[in-house]
Structures are given as C-alpha cells and as structure tokens.
Amino acid sequence: ADDCGLQTGDIIVKCGGVSVTSSEQFQSLLQENGETATDLQVHREGGSVTLSVSPEQNEKGAYCIGAWIRDSMAGIGTMTYYDPASGTYGALGHGITDVDTALLMPLYAGSITEATVKAVKRGERGSPGELKGDFSGSRDLGTVASNTEGGIFGSMEPCALTAGEPVPVAQADEVKTGPATILSNISGDETQEYAVEIVKIYPQSQATRNLLIRVTDSALLEKTGGIVQGMSGSPILQNGRLVGAVTHVLLNDPTQGYGILMENMLKAAG
C-alpha cells in the first residue's frame, strides 16, 4: 500500500472499477483479483486519485495490500436537542472524526439508539475521563443524515425520550458569562441537571469552541472530575433558554471545557 502511493486518510472508492461498499467487500474483491495489479480509485483532499496496487498473500493465504481499513465507528454521546415540529435532532456539538487521522469521517449511513451508562472513568489532569456503557435499545431511534464540524444531525420518531416542554433557543447576544446548568446522563439512563459557570464567550472562535465553561456542581465533580468523553452534546441552559452544548474538555483541567453556541450548532444543522 505504501509503495503504490496510498496515504493515511485516503478514502477507497473503487477497486478494479467496482464500487467499494465495505471493508469485507473490499477484501472479497482482493481475493477475486489475486496477485494481479489492480486500480484503486481514492478520494484525497477533495480530489480523486487512481493508484495501482499489487496484492500479496499473507501467511494464511489471503491476498492483502498492507493497509488498515476502517468503514464504521460506534460510540456513546449525548443528544443535544429534538425539534418536535420537524422531527429532527442534533447531537455531540462536534463532528465524528477518525481516531487515527482526526479527519471528519465522511458519512454513508448511520443510526442512533438508546444507551445505558454502566461506569465512569474519572477525569484527571492530563488524562481525559470517559463514560462507559452499552447500547441498550432493541431498535434504532433515528437516522444520522449528516456529520459536520458542529455536530451530527438527523431525524427520529417521537418517543418517551422526546417528551417534555419545548425550550426556547438563545441567540448569541443573549448568552452571558455567569451561572448556567448542563443536562447529562452519567449513570444508567437518568438525565440530571448540574451547575456550571460560563467563564468566557468566544463567538468568533473555532466552530466548536464558543464558550468556556467550568463545572461547579460538587456531585458531578465527585463522580466524573468534571467533563468527560461521552458528555459531548450535553445541553447548556441559562435563564430558561438553550444556549449551547458541551464539546470538549481541557486536558490540563477536567473541571473546564468548551461548548458550542446553539445558534452555531443550528447553522451547522442547516
């Protein structure tokens, strides 16, 4: 793969003129091709590149090209909002990126389901914490239609999770420094409200880092150490309005993290 010019982050689109739909199907195409050199069409940095690769047999007799290929990803995150008028939702407040390249993953299809938090890895200075759990739903709740820098978005049917009174959205100029709250699930399937403080507002900064927030809730600090992975998308509320969503934790201080303004998240949703 390296010899033929394949690069980390390339997206394999076709193999020998046949559209690639999964890593398993790609491996089947390689077995059919054998040692004969074959063309790979890849997407790279917005353009298309055609390479020629010659597979080789490994110790088990399978034809390989010497590349680690990923075609899917799954994880636990937090849904930020559901709009009953349109049946659409937004989650995470940031995009889903490849764990190795940090590039935004192109989306073919996706779904959302219920999850139950089973354990918490507490955040420490220099070591981000994490929510650990299981996908508990027996069915998909909705689809993922887009993966953007401002979050993932899609549609879902009304259910028990979407019940409740709608909350108005705050415009950017209505968000102030000072006390606020976040809604998060750090145990089982129970969502609770925790106190935070909006320390700074950066409306023109990076897409997902408009707010600097600090966790002030003693119960949340004791359980998680502050903000942990899996809390991305937790709604930030202030004065009865939805002002944003949690997006990142500060590695050198897990009690603090960043958030996206809801106005910007909705722009990303289109």
Protein backbone atom coordinates (compact mmCIF):
# COMPACT_ATOMS: atom_id res chain seq x y z
CA ALA A 1 0.00 0.00 0.00
CA ASP A 2 2.82 2.39 0.87
CA ASP A 3 4.72 1.51 -2.31
CA CYS A 4 1.72 2.20 -4.54
CA GLY A 5 1.22 5.66 -3.01
CA LEU A 6 -1.78 5.03 -0.72
CA GLN A 7 -1.81 7.55 2.13
CA THR A 8 -3.34 7.66 5.60
CA GLY A 9 -6.74 9.32 5.31
CA ASP A 10 -7.41 8.21 1.72
CA ILE A 11 -10.96 7.02 1.07
CA ILE A 12 -11.08 3.97 -1.19
CA VAL A 13 -13.96 4.41 -3.62
CA LYS A 14 -13.36 1.73 -6.27
CA CYS A 15 -11.24 -1.39 -6.64
CA GLY A 16 -10.70 -2.61 -10.20
CA GLY A 17 -13.59 -0.40 -11.34
CA VAL A 18 -16.03 -1.86 -8.77
CA SER A 19 -17.51 0.48 -6.15
CA VAL A 20 -16.32 -0.35 -2.63
CA THR A 21 -19.14 -0.57 -0.06
CA SER A 22 -17.46 -2.14 3.00
CA SER A 23 -14.12 -3.46 4.22
CA GLU A 24 -15.41 -7.04 3.89
CA GLN A 25 -16.49 -6.50 0.29
CA PHE A 26 -13.13 -4.84 -0.47
CA GLN A 27 -11.31 -7.90 0.86
CA SER A 28 -13.50 -10.13 -1.32
CA LEU A 29 -12.54 -8.08 -4.37
CA LEU A 30 -8.85 -8.55 -3.49
CA GLN A 31 -9.30 -12.34 -3.21
CA GLU A 32 -11.00 -12.42 -6.61
CA ASN A 33 -8.20 -10.36 -8.10
CA GLY A 34 -5.32 -12.39 -6.63
CA GLU A 35 -1.79 -11.18 -7.34
CA THR A 36 -2.75 -9.24 -10.46
CA ALA A 37 -2.16 -5.50 -10.15
CA THR A 38 -5.44 -3.64 -9.79
CA ASP A 39 -6.51 0.01 -9.84
CA LEU A 40 -7.64 1.72 -6.66
CA GLN A 41 -9.64 4.94 -7.04
CA VAL A 42 -9.38 7.03 -3.87
CA HIS A 43 -10.67 10.38 -2.67
CA ARG A 44 -7.91 12.57 -1.24
CA GLU A 45 -8.25 16.17 -0.04
CA GLY A 46 -11.33 16.81 -2.17
CA GLY A 47 -9.89 15.26 -5.33
CA SER A 48 -9.72 11.86 -6.99
CA VAL A 49 -6.54 9.80 -7.39
CA THR A 50 -6.07 6.46 -9.18
CA LEU A 51 -3.35 4.11 -7.91
CA SER A 52 -2.14 0.66 -8.99
CA VAL A 53 -1.57 -1.89 -6.24
CA SER A 54 -0.32 -5.49 -6.38
CA PRO A 55 -1.77 -7.63 -3.54
CA GLU A 56 0.41 -10.21 -1.83
CA GLN A 57 -0.54 -13.35 0.08
CA ASN A 58 -0.12 -13.36 3.85
CA GLU A 59 0.80 -16.38 5.98
CA LYS A 60 -2.85 -17.55 5.91
CA GLY A 61 -3.06 -17.42 2.12
CA ALA A 62 -5.26 -14.29 1.95
CA TYR A 63 -4.43 -11.55 -0.53
CA CYS A 64 -3.73 -8.24 1.22
CA ILE A 65 -2.36 -4.78 0.39
CA GLY A 66 -0.81 -3.97 3.78
CA ALA A 67 -3.25 -1.28 4.96
CA TRP A 68 -5.57 -0.90 7.95
CA ILE A 69 -9.02 -0.04 6.59
CA ARG A 70 -11.94 1.29 8.62
CA ASP A 71 -15.52 1.53 7.36
CA SER A 72 -17.55 2.16 10.53
CA MET A 73 -17.50 3.65 14.00
CA ALA A 74 -19.70 3.48 17.08
CA GLY A 75 -19.66 5.26 20.44
CA ILE A 76 -21.62 6.86 23.24
CA GLY A 77 -22.51 10.54 23.11
CA THR A 78 -25.27 12.90 24.17
CA MET A 79 -28.24 14.16 22.16
CA THR A 80 -28.50 17.93 22.49
CA TYR A 81 -31.95 18.74 21.16
CA TYR A 82 -35.03 17.36 19.44
CA ASP A 83 -37.32 19.61 17.40
CA PRO A 84 -40.88 18.23 17.51
CA ALA A 85 -42.01 20.46 14.65
CA SER A 86 -39.59 18.94 12.13
CA GLY A 87 -38.80 15.60 13.80
CA THR A 88 -35.08 16.38 13.65
CA TYR A 89 -32.36 16.21 16.30
CA GLY A 90 -28.79 17.35 16.90
CA ALA A 91 -26.10 15.65 18.99
CA LEU A 92 -22.47 15.85 20.15
CA GLY A 93 -21.87 19.53 19.22
CA HIS A 94 -18.84 18.41 17.21
CA GLY A 95 -18.25 16.04 14.33
CA ILE A 96 -17.25 12.37 14.44
CA THR A 97 -13.61 12.17 13.43
CA ASP A 98 -11.35 9.25 12.61
CA VAL A 99 -9.48 8.14 15.72
CA ASP A 100 -6.17 7.84 13.83
CA THR A 101 -6.25 10.79 11.42
CA ALA A 102 -8.51 13.24 13.33
CA LEU A 103 -10.25 13.93 9.99
CA LEU A 104 -14.03 14.34 9.79
CA MET A 105 -15.42 10.96 8.70
CA PRO A 106 -17.50 11.01 5.52
CA LEU A 107 -20.96 9.59 6.18
CA TYR A 108 -22.71 6.94 4.11
CA ALA A 109 -25.35 5.95 6.68
CA GLY A 110 -25.84 5.87 10.43
CA SER A 111 -28.35 5.38 13.21
CA ILE A 112 -28.91 6.34 16.85
CA THR A 113 -30.10 4.11 19.66
CA GLU A 114 -30.52 4.22 23.42
CA ALA A 115 -27.50 3.62 25.62
CA THR A 116 -27.09 2.86 29.32
CA VAL A 117 -24.09 4.25 31.22
CA LYS A 118 -22.51 1.44 33.24
CA ALA A 119 -19.36 3.10 34.59
CA VAL A 120 -17.37 6.32 34.66
CA LYS A 121 -13.64 6.68 34.19
CA ARG A 122 -12.95 9.80 36.25
CA GLY A 123 -11.10 12.61 34.53
CA GLU A 124 -7.70 13.63 35.86
CA ARG A 125 -5.20 16.29 34.86
CA GLY A 126 -3.59 15.07 31.62
CA SER A 127 -5.95 12.08 31.30
CA PRO A 128 -9.49 12.62 29.99
CA GLY A 129 -12.28 10.66 31.63
CA GLU A 130 -14.90 8.62 29.84
CA LEU A 131 -18.45 7.33 30.14
CA LYS A 132 -18.65 3.58 29.54
CA GLY A 133 -21.84 1.76 28.74
CA ASP A 134 -23.93 -0.45 26.49
CA PHE A 135 -26.25 0.17 23.58
CA SER A 136 -29.49 -0.82 25.27
CA GLY A 137 -32.09 -0.18 22.60
CA SER A 138 -33.67 -3.08 20.73
CA ARG A 139 -34.36 -0.80 17.77
CA ASP A 140 -32.94 2.28 16.11
CA LEU A 141 -34.48 5.53 17.30
CA GLY A 142 -33.50 7.51 14.22
CA THR A 143 -31.09 8.04 11.38
CA VAL A 144 -27.89 10.06 11.07
CA ALA A 145 -28.14 12.25 7.97
CA SER A 146 -25.06 14.48 8.30
CA ASN A 147 -21.74 14.58 10.14
CA THR A 148 -20.44 18.15 10.42
CA GLU A 149 -17.95 20.13 12.48
CA GLY A 150 -20.90 21.42 14.51
CA GLY A 151 -22.41 18.04 15.35
CA ILE A 152 -24.31 15.11 13.89
CA PHE A 153 -27.87 15.61 12.72
CA GLY A 154 -30.77 13.51 11.51
CA SER A 155 -34.39 12.60 12.08
CA MET A 156 -36.19 10.43 14.60
CA GLU A 157 -39.72 9.47 15.55
CA PRO A 158 -41.31 10.86 18.74
CA CYS A 159 -40.82 8.59 21.75
CA ALA A 160 -40.60 8.73 25.55
CA LEU A 161 -37.17 10.37 25.26
CA THR A 162 -38.60 13.31 23.30
CA ALA A 163 -41.48 14.07 25.69
CA GLY A 164 -41.50 17.30 27.68
CA GLU A 165 -41.93 21.03 27.25
CA PRO A 166 -40.01 22.77 24.44
CA VAL A 167 -37.24 25.16 25.48
CA PRO A 168 -36.55 28.39 23.56
CA VAL A 169 -33.16 28.87 21.92
CA ALA A 170 -30.98 31.81 22.98
CA GLN A 171 -29.41 34.00 20.32
CA ALA A 172 -25.66 34.50 20.66
CA ASP A 173 -26.02 38.02 22.08
CA GLU A 174 -28.35 36.70 24.82
CA VAL A 175 -25.71 34.37 26.29
CA LYS A 176 -23.86 35.89 29.25
CA THR A 177 -20.99 34.87 31.49
CA GLY A 178 -22.14 33.56 34.86
CA PRO A 179 -24.21 30.69 36.27
CA ALA A 180 -25.73 28.08 33.96
CA THR A 181 -26.57 24.37 34.01
CA ILE A 182 -25.97 21.33 31.84
CA LEU A 183 -28.13 18.24 31.34
CA SER A 184 -26.14 15.00 31.40
CA ASN A 185 -26.52 11.27 31.98
CA ILE A 186 -23.60 9.81 33.94
CA SER A 187 -25.38 6.76 35.37
CA GLY A 188 -27.87 4.33 33.87
CA ASP A 189 -30.36 6.16 31.68
CA GLU A 190 -31.16 9.01 34.07
CA THR A 191 -30.58 12.59 32.98
CA GLN A 192 -29.83 15.17 35.68
CA GLU A 193 -29.14 18.90 35.77
CA TYR A 194 -25.75 20.09 37.05
CA ALA A 195 -24.45 23.57 37.87
CA VAL A 196 -21.73 25.13 35.72
CA GLU A 197 -20.37 28.60 35.09
CA ILE A 198 -19.90 30.21 31.69
CA VAL A 199 -16.44 31.74 32.16
CA LYS A 200 -15.81 33.28 28.72
CA ILE A 201 -17.60 33.69 25.41
CA TYR A 202 -15.74 33.47 22.09
CA PRO A 203 -18.46 33.97 19.45
CA GLN A 204 -15.98 34.28 16.57
CA SER A 205 -13.59 31.50 17.64
CA GLN A 206 -13.40 27.94 16.31
CA ALA A 207 -16.66 26.34 15.27
CA THR A 208 -16.99 24.15 18.37
CA ARG A 209 -15.26 26.37 20.96
CA ASN A 210 -17.51 29.36 21.51
CA LEU A 211 -17.92 29.01 25.28
CA LEU A 212 -15.51 28.26 28.12
CA ILE A 213 -17.40 26.57 30.93
CA ARG A 214 -16.38 25.38 34.39
CA VAL A 215 -18.19 22.66 36.34
CA THR A 216 -19.17 23.93 39.79
CA ASP A 217 -21.56 21.14 40.82
CA SER A 218 -20.00 19.16 43.69
CA ALA A 219 -21.89 15.94 42.86
CA LEU A 220 -20.69 15.97 39.25
CA LEU A 221 -17.12 16.81 40.26
CA GLU A 222 -17.05 13.94 42.73
CA LYS A 223 -18.37 11.42 40.22
CA THR A 224 -16.59 12.43 36.98
CA GLY A 225 -13.96 15.02 37.95
CA GLY A 226 -15.70 17.45 35.61
CA ILE A 227 -16.27 16.95 31.88
CA VAL A 228 -15.57 13.51 30.38
CA GLN A 229 -15.85 11.89 26.97
CA GLY A 230 -19.45 10.89 26.31
CA MET A 231 -20.80 14.16 27.73
CA SER A 232 -20.25 15.90 24.39
CA GLY A 233 -23.59 17.31 23.31
CA SER A 234 -24.86 17.90 26.86
CA PRO A 235 -27.26 20.87 26.57
CA ILE A 236 -26.19 24.11 28.29
CA LEU A 237 -29.12 26.06 29.77
CA GLN A 238 -29.20 29.63 31.07
CA ASN A 239 -32.19 31.67 32.18
CA GLY A 240 -34.62 29.09 30.81
CA ARG A 241 -33.04 29.05 27.35
CA LEU A 242 -30.94 26.56 25.42
CA VAL A 243 -27.66 28.41 24.87
CA GLY A 244 -25.28 25.71 23.64
CA ALA A 245 -23.77 22.26 24.07
CA VAL A 246 -20.65 20.84 25.72
CA THR A 247 -17.99 19.84 23.16
CA HIS A 248 -14.50 19.40 24.69
CA VAL A 249 -12.67 19.01 27.99
CA LEU A 250 -9.43 20.81 28.85
CA LEU A 251 -6.76 18.14 29.26
CA ASN A 252 -4.87 20.11 31.89
CA ASP A 253 -8.05 20.86 33.87
CA PRO A 254 -11.01 18.45 33.51
CA THR A 255 -13.23 20.79 35.54
CA GLN A 256 -13.28 23.09 32.50
CA GLY A 257 -14.20 22.61 28.86
CA TYR A 258 -15.57 24.21 25.74
CA GLY A 259 -19.04 24.50 24.31
CA ILE A 260 -20.64 25.47 21.01
CA LEU A 261 -23.25 28.23 20.87
CA MET A 262 -26.65 26.79 19.98
CA GLU A 263 -27.02 29.42 17.28
CA ASN A 264 -23.91 28.00 15.58
CA MET A 265 -24.98 24.38 16.09
CA LEU A 266 -28.30 25.09 14.38
CA LYS A 267 -26.48 26.76 11.49
CA ALA A 268 -24.43 23.58 11.09
CA ALA A 269 -27.72 21.64 11.05
CA GLY A 270 -28.92 23.77 8.16
